[in-house]
């Protein structure tokens, strides 16, 4: 008689057997598919607008339609090519948007484990891939106040 470990239930619905993702099954196929759809939709809603482009650095403004700040601006991403890898700095306005809010489909009554921040990181990962990919280090800062200065030396 072969021993088989007890199957885990889906972390979202807690009804069906967890089968996905393959490397660490935590979701049933139905919840996994719904989560992927919500994640893709949120990635399209998080807008990264390149404002500065240099040889080894790019600066992006982050905009989101649910942001309560002027012009829907809710942060910045600084992408720096550092040797064979990347240094990423993400500065988020603390009061502009709840980045830890879980993605949800209110009509279907479904809430994903993914957050808005996960979708933003997904977009940043696509930027890194567009530069050729490689290892990266990411810092995320939440700021309460943004002060801009301008001058000439």
C-alpha atoms as a PDB file:
ATOM      1  CA  UNK A   1       0.000   0.000   0.000  1.00  0.00           C
ATOM      2  CA  UNK A   2       1.494   3.309  -1.133  1.00  0.00           C
ATOM      3  CA  UNK A   3       1.432   6.284   1.174  1.00  0.00           C
ATOM      4  CA  UNK A   4       0.099   9.518  -0.278  1.00  0.00           C
ATOM      5  CA  UNK A   5       0.262  12.749   1.690  1.00  0.00           C
ATOM      6  CA  UNK A   6      -3.060  14.433   2.426  1.00  0.00           C
ATOM      7  CA  UNK A   7      -3.997  16.961  -0.233  1.00  0.00           C
ATOM      8  CA  UNK A   8      -4.127  20.617   0.681  1.00  0.00           C
ATOM      9  CA  UNK A   9      -7.236  22.677   0.098  1.00  0.00           C
ATOM     10  CA  UNK A  10      -7.268  25.912  -1.886  1.00  0.00           C
ATOM     11  CA  UNK A  11      -6.121  28.879   0.214  1.00  0.00           C
ATOM     12  CA  UNK A  12      -8.918  31.077  -1.189  1.00  0.00           C
ATOM     13  CA  UNK A  13     -12.086  28.967  -1.452  1.00  0.00           C
ATOM     14  CA  UNK A  14     -11.066  26.263   1.059  1.00  0.00           C
ATOM     15  CA  UNK A  15     -13.233  23.755  -0.870  1.00  0.00           C
ATOM     16  CA  UNK A  16     -11.254  22.392  -3.799  1.00  0.00           C
ATOM     17  CA  UNK A  17      -7.883  20.660  -3.877  1.00  0.00           C
ATOM     18  CA  UNK A  18      -4.900  22.988  -4.397  1.00  0.00           C
ATOM     19  CA  UNK A  19      -3.103  22.159  -7.652  1.00  0.00           C
ATOM     20  CA  UNK A  20      -1.517  25.415  -8.868  1.00  0.00           C
ATOM     21  CA  UNK A  21       1.047  26.847  -9.250  1.00  0.00           C
ATOM     22  CA  UNK A  22       2.909  23.634  -9.981  1.00  0.00           C
ATOM     23  CA  UNK A  23       5.974  24.436  -7.843  1.00  0.00           C
ATOM     24  CA  UNK A  24       3.981  25.189  -4.670  1.00  0.00           C
ATOM     25  CA  UNK A  25       0.311  24.338  -5.011  1.00  0.00           C
ATOM     26  CA  UNK A  26      -1.850  26.677  -2.933  1.00  0.00           C
ATOM     27  CA  UNK A  27      -4.828  27.354  -5.222  1.00  0.00           C
ATOM     28  CA  UNK A  28      -7.397  25.308  -7.074  1.00  0.00           C
ATOM     29  CA  UNK A  29      -7.494  25.805 -10.872  1.00  0.00           C
ATOM     30  CA  UNK A  30     -10.661  27.942 -10.690  1.00  0.00           C
ATOM     31  CA  UNK A  31      -9.292  30.358  -8.060  1.00  0.00           C
ATOM     32  CA  UNK A  32      -5.904  30.429  -9.790  1.00  0.00           C
ATOM     33  CA  UNK A  33      -7.519  31.487 -13.085  1.00  0.00           C
ATOM     34  CA  UNK A  34      -9.634  34.174 -11.388  1.00  0.00           C
ATOM     35  CA  UNK A  35      -6.541  35.476  -9.564  1.00  0.00           C
ATOM     36  CA  UNK A  36      -4.546  35.631 -12.802  1.00  0.00           C
ATOM     37  CA  UNK A  37      -7.309  37.613 -14.536  1.00  0.00           C
ATOM     38  CA  UNK A  38      -7.504  40.119 -11.655  1.00  0.00           C
ATOM     39  CA  UNK A  39      -3.700  40.437 -11.565  1.00  0.00           C
ATOM     40  CA  UNK A  40      -3.491  41.109 -15.326  1.00  0.00           C
ATOM     41  CA  UNK A  41      -6.277  43.702 -15.101  1.00  0.00           C
ATOM     42  CA  UNK A  42      -4.533  45.489 -12.218  1.00  0.00           C
ATOM     43  CA  UNK A  43      -1.196  45.470 -14.056  1.00  0.00           C
ATOM     44  CA  UNK A  44      -2.910  47.336 -16.908  1.00  0.00           C
ATOM     45  CA  UNK A  45      -4.332  49.876 -14.423  1.00  0.00           C
ATOM     46  CA  UNK A  46      -0.912  50.629 -12.871  1.00  0.00           C
ATOM     47  CA  UNK A  47       0.665  53.043 -15.328  1.00  0.00           C
ATOM     48  CA  UNK A  48       4.435  53.594 -15.435  1.00  0.00           C
ATOM     49  CA  UNK A  49       5.330  56.732 -17.388  1.00  0.00           C
ATOM     50  CA  UNK A  50       9.011  57.223 -18.205  1.00  0.00           C
ATOM     51  CA  UNK A  51      10.064  60.782 -17.344  1.00  0.00           C
ATOM     52  CA  UNK A  52      13.880  60.500 -17.478  1.00  0.00           C
ATOM     53  CA  UNK A  53      16.009  58.163 -19.534  1.00  0.00           C
ATOM     54  CA  UNK A  54      19.761  57.901 -19.108  1.00  0.00           C
ATOM     55  CA  UNK A  55      22.402  55.419 -20.126  1.00  0.00           C
ATOM     56  CA  UNK A  56      22.090  53.286 -16.996  1.00  0.00           C
ATOM     57  CA  UNK A  57      19.078  54.784 -15.225  1.00  0.00           C
ATOM     58  CA  UNK A  58      15.408  55.486 -15.877  1.00  0.00           C
ATOM     59  CA  UNK A  59      12.821  57.322 -13.783  1.00  0.00           C
ATOM     60  CA  UNK A  60       9.123  56.474 -14.022  1.00  0.00           C
ATOM     61  CA  UNK A  61       6.084  58.176 -12.534  1.00  0.00           C
ATOM     62  CA  UNK A  62       3.453  55.778 -11.180  1.00  0.00           C
ATOM     63  CA  UNK A  63      -0.165  56.626 -11.946  1.00  0.00           C
ATOM     64  CA  UNK A  64      -3.301  54.735 -10.956  1.00  0.00           C
ATOM     65  CA  UNK A  65      -6.964  55.586 -11.681  1.00  0.00           C
ATOM     66  CA  UNK A  66      -7.974  55.036  -8.027  1.00  0.00           C
ATOM     67  CA  UNK A  67      -5.317  57.424  -6.676  1.00  0.00           C
ATOM     68  CA  UNK A  68      -6.709  60.390  -4.736  1.00  0.00           C
ATOM     69  CA  UNK A  69      -3.806  62.751  -5.572  1.00  0.00           C
ATOM     70  CA  UNK A  70      -3.671  65.323  -8.376  1.00  0.00           C
ATOM     71  CA  UNK A  71      -3.170  63.804 -11.825  1.00  0.00           C
ATOM     72  CA  UNK A  72      -3.473  60.288 -10.325  1.00  0.00           C
ATOM     73  CA  UNK A  73       0.260  60.437  -9.434  1.00  0.00           C
ATOM     74  CA  UNK A  74       1.038  58.037  -6.599  1.00  0.00           C
ATOM     75  CA  UNK A  75       4.776  57.414  -6.730  1.00  0.00           C
ATOM     76  CA  UNK A  76       7.990  56.919  -8.679  1.00  0.00           C
ATOM     77  CA  UNK A  77      10.214  54.066  -9.776  1.00  0.00           C
ATOM     78  CA  UNK A  78      13.953  54.519 -10.254  1.00  0.00           C
ATOM     79  CA  UNK A  79      15.580  51.727 -12.256  1.00  0.00           C
ATOM     80  CA  UNK A  80      19.394  51.681 -12.164  1.00  0.00           C
ATOM     81  CA  UNK A  81      21.591  49.302 -14.157  1.00  0.00           C
ATOM     82  CA  UNK A  82      24.288  48.167 -11.719  1.00  0.00           C
ATOM     83  CA  UNK A  83      26.862  45.802 -13.213  1.00  0.00           C
ATOM     84  CA  UNK A  84      25.101  42.627 -14.326  1.00  0.00           C
ATOM     85  CA  UNK A  85      21.976  43.402 -12.299  1.00  0.00           C
ATOM     86  CA  UNK A  86      19.606  46.170 -11.306  1.00  0.00           C
ATOM     87  CA  UNK A  87      18.919  48.399  -8.343  1.00  0.00           C
ATOM     88  CA  UNK A  88      15.254  49.402  -8.079  1.00  0.00           C
ATOM     89  CA  UNK A  89      13.892  52.126  -5.813  1.00  0.00           C
ATOM     90  CA  UNK A  90      10.119  52.489  -5.532  1.00  0.00           C
ATOM     91  CA  UNK A  91       8.782  55.533  -3.683  1.00  0.00           C
ATOM     92  CA  UNK A  92       5.044  55.380  -2.954  1.00  0.00           C
ATOM     93  CA  UNK A  93       2.929  58.206  -1.587  1.00  0.00           C
ATOM     94  CA  UNK A  94       1.508  56.790   1.632  1.00  0.00           C
ATOM     95  CA  UNK A  95      -1.869  58.517   1.520  1.00  0.00           C
ATOM     96  CA  UNK A  96      -2.455  58.363  -2.234  1.00  0.00           C
ATOM     97  CA  UNK A  97      -3.475  54.721  -2.591  1.00  0.00           C
ATOM     98  CA  UNK A  98      -3.756  51.571  -0.486  1.00  0.00           C
ATOM     99  CA  UNK A  99      -1.111  49.407  -2.133  1.00  0.00           C
ATOM    100  CA  UNK A 100      -1.782  46.486   0.224  1.00  0.00           C
ATOM    101  CA  UNK A 101      -5.433  46.202  -0.835  1.00  0.00           C
ATOM    102  CA  UNK A 102      -6.175  42.727  -2.149  1.00  0.00           C
ATOM    103  CA  UNK A 103      -7.457  42.530  -5.714  1.00  0.00           C
ATOM    104  CA  UNK A 104     -11.131  41.702  -5.886  1.00  0.00           C
ATOM    105  CA  UNK A 105     -13.992  41.135  -8.267  1.00  0.00           C
ATOM    106  CA  UNK A 106     -16.975  42.553  -6.400  1.00  0.00           C
ATOM    107  CA  UNK A 107     -19.494  41.199  -8.928  1.00  0.00           C
ATOM    108  CA  UNK A 108     -18.281  37.625  -8.460  1.00  0.00           C
ATOM    109  CA  UNK A 109     -17.568  38.073  -4.754  1.00  0.00           C
ATOM    110  CA  UNK A 110     -13.968  36.927  -5.280  1.00  0.00           C
ATOM    111  CA  UNK A 111     -10.881  38.281  -3.483  1.00  0.00           C
ATOM    112  CA  UNK A 112      -7.393  37.307  -4.626  1.00  0.00           C
ATOM    113  CA  UNK A 113      -4.305  36.850  -2.467  1.00  0.00           C
ATOM    114  CA  UNK A 114      -2.471  39.334  -4.733  1.00  0.00           C
ATOM    115  CA  UNK A 115      -2.326  43.039  -3.875  1.00  0.00           C
ATOM    116  CA  UNK A 116      -1.955  46.234  -5.894  1.00  0.00           C
ATOM    117  CA  UNK A 117       1.692  46.267  -4.833  1.00  0.00           C
ATOM    118  CA  UNK A 118       2.149  42.807  -6.388  1.00  0.00           C
ATOM    119  CA  UNK A 119       0.816  44.186  -9.692  1.00  0.00           C
ATOM    120  CA  UNK A 120       3.200  47.168  -9.507  1.00  0.00           C
ATOM    121  CA  UNK A 121       6.130  44.818  -8.854  1.00  0.00           C
ATOM    122  CA  UNK A 122       4.955  42.750 -11.844  1.00  0.00           C
ATOM    123  CA  UNK A 123       5.194  45.853 -14.045  1.00  0.00           C
ATOM    124  CA  UNK A 124       8.656  46.689 -12.677  1.00  0.00           C
ATOM    125  CA  UNK A 125       9.744  43.116 -13.428  1.00  0.00           C
ATOM    126  CA  UNK A 126       8.650  43.629 -17.046  1.00  0.00           C
ATOM    127  CA  UNK A 127      10.822  46.782 -17.171  1.00  0.00           C
ATOM    128  CA  UNK A 128      13.816  44.803 -15.916  1.00  0.00           C
ATOM    129  CA  UNK A 129      13.159  42.121 -18.541  1.00  0.00           C
ATOM    130  CA  UNK A 130      13.018  44.820 -21.254  1.00  0.00           C
ATOM    131  CA  UNK A 131      16.563  45.844 -20.232  1.00  0.00           C
ATOM    132  CA  UNK A 132      17.773  42.267 -20.666  1.00  0.00           C
ATOM    133  CA  UNK A 133      16.857  40.858 -17.270  1.00  0.00           C
ATOM    134  CA  UNK A 134      19.184  39.758 -14.531  1.00  0.00           C
ATOM    135  CA  UNK A 135      19.385  39.828 -10.752  1.00  0.00           C
ATOM    136  CA  UNK A 136      17.833  42.797  -8.994  1.00  0.00           C
ATOM    137  CA  UNK A 137      17.530  44.378  -5.589  1.00  0.00           C
ATOM    138  CA  UNK A 138      14.362  46.322  -4.797  1.00  0.00           C
ATOM    139  CA  UNK A 139      13.683  48.892  -2.061  1.00  0.00           C
ATOM    140  CA  UNK A 140      10.139  50.156  -1.478  1.00  0.00           C
ATOM    141  CA  UNK A 141       9.658  53.411   0.426  1.00  0.00           C
ATOM    142  CA  UNK A 142       6.380  54.834   1.678  1.00  0.00           C
ATOM    143  CA  UNK A 143       6.558  58.625   1.949  1.00  0.00           C
ATOM    144  CA  UNK A 144       4.101  60.915   3.720  1.00  0.00           C
ATOM    145  CA  UNK A 145       5.190  64.143   2.098  1.00  0.00           C
ATOM    146  CA  UNK A 146       6.822  64.978  -1.223  1.00  0.00           C
ATOM    147  CA  UNK A 147       8.858  68.172  -1.446  1.00  0.00           C
ATOM    148  CA  UNK A 148      10.193  69.297  -4.811  1.00  0.00           C
ATOM    149  CA  UNK A 149      13.023  71.780  -5.180  1.00  0.00           C
ATOM    150  CA  UNK A 150      14.561  73.348  -8.226  1.00  0.00           C
ATOM    151  CA  UNK A 151      17.784  75.273  -8.497  1.00  0.00           C
ATOM    152  CA  UNK A 152      20.859  75.998 -10.500  1.00  0.00           C
ATOM    153  CA  UNK A 153      24.493  75.720  -9.496  1.00  0.00           C
END
